[in-house]
């Protein structure tokens, strides 16, 4: 879905999101009070402070970029009793 960010550690991460979806993701992260910005280069810069924020960011990006099929598969995996 997403290419790996520039680093695997917490802190500022660069997300490479299509320009047409970038503002929607940006505004949703702002609603979640996650520090982020949209530099002029077209990327989305997000500050990840903890695991909860990382999960919220992943979920937000997934909701905006995943296909319906990917979302259905993910939901079915969540419902499975493993």
Protein backbone atom coordinates (compact mmCIF):
# COMPACT_ATOMS: atom_id res chain seq x y z
CA UNK A 1 0.00 0.00 0.00
CA UNK A 2 2.54 2.59 1.12
CA UNK A 3 6.24 2.61 0.43
CA UNK A 4 8.31 2.46 3.59
CA UNK A 5 8.98 5.78 5.23
CA UNK A 6 12.45 7.26 5.38
CA UNK A 7 13.09 5.74 8.82
CA UNK A 8 11.78 2.92 11.01
CA UNK A 9 12.06 4.89 14.26
CA UNK A 10 9.60 7.22 15.96
CA UNK A 11 9.87 10.87 15.08
CA UNK A 12 9.23 12.68 11.81
CA UNK A 13 8.35 10.40 8.91
CA UNK A 14 7.85 11.27 5.26
CA UNK A 15 4.80 9.63 3.70
CA UNK A 16 4.65 9.44 -0.06
CA UNK A 17 0.94 9.77 -0.74
CA UNK A 18 -0.62 10.68 -4.09
CA UNK A 19 -1.27 14.40 -4.28
CA UNK A 20 -5.00 13.88 -4.85
CA UNK A 21 -5.28 12.10 -1.45
CA UNK A 22 -2.70 14.07 0.50
CA UNK A 23 -5.01 16.85 1.75
CA UNK A 24 -7.70 14.41 2.87
CA UNK A 25 -5.13 12.44 4.88
CA UNK A 26 -3.58 15.67 6.20
CA UNK A 27 -6.92 17.05 7.42
CA UNK A 28 -7.89 13.76 9.07
CA UNK A 29 -4.55 13.60 10.90
CA UNK A 30 -5.11 17.19 12.04
CA UNK A 31 -8.52 16.14 13.41
CA UNK A 32 -6.75 13.36 15.32
CA UNK A 33 -4.33 16.01 16.68
CA UNK A 34 -1.32 14.34 15.02
CA UNK A 35 1.37 16.85 14.09
CA UNK A 36 1.84 16.89 10.31
CA UNK A 37 2.63 19.25 7.45
CA UNK A 38 2.63 19.32 3.66
CA UNK A 39 5.96 20.64 2.34
CA UNK A 40 6.18 22.11 -1.15
CA UNK A 41 7.78 18.90 -2.49
CA UNK A 42 4.39 17.12 -2.42
CA UNK A 43 5.08 14.75 0.46
CA UNK A 44 3.34 14.54 3.82
CA UNK A 45 5.55 15.00 6.87
CA UNK A 46 4.11 13.32 9.99
CA UNK A 47 5.43 13.30 13.54
CA UNK A 48 5.02 9.88 15.15
CA UNK A 49 5.40 10.09 18.94
CA UNK A 50 4.13 6.69 20.03
CA UNK A 51 2.63 3.41 18.89
CA UNK A 52 -0.95 4.68 19.15
CA UNK A 53 -0.19 7.55 16.77
CA UNK A 54 1.53 5.12 14.38
CA UNK A 55 -1.60 2.95 14.35
CA UNK A 56 -3.88 5.97 13.81
CA UNK A 57 -1.70 7.16 10.93
CA UNK A 58 -1.69 3.72 9.32
CA UNK A 59 -5.45 3.43 9.71
CA UNK A 60 -6.05 6.89 8.22
CA UNK A 61 -3.82 6.21 5.23
CA UNK A 62 -5.39 2.79 4.74
CA UNK A 63 -8.92 4.25 4.74
CA UNK A 64 -7.96 6.75 2.06
CA UNK A 65 -5.77 4.62 -0.20
CA UNK A 66 -6.81 0.98 0.12
CA UNK A 67 -9.18 -0.58 -2.36
CA UNK A 68 -12.57 -1.80 -1.21
CA UNK A 69 -11.29 -5.38 -1.56
CA UNK A 70 -8.29 -4.66 0.70
CA UNK A 71 -10.54 -3.05 3.32
CA UNK A 72 -12.98 -6.00 3.26
CA UNK A 73 -10.09 -8.48 3.63
CA UNK A 74 -8.69 -6.48 6.55
CA UNK A 75 -12.07 -6.36 8.27
CA UNK A 76 -12.61 -10.09 7.81
CA UNK A 77 -9.19 -10.80 9.34
CA UNK A 78 -10.15 -8.66 12.34
CA UNK A 79 -13.35 -10.66 12.85
CA UNK A 80 -11.68 -14.07 12.57
CA UNK A 81 -11.18 -16.07 15.76
CA UNK A 82 -7.54 -17.14 15.45
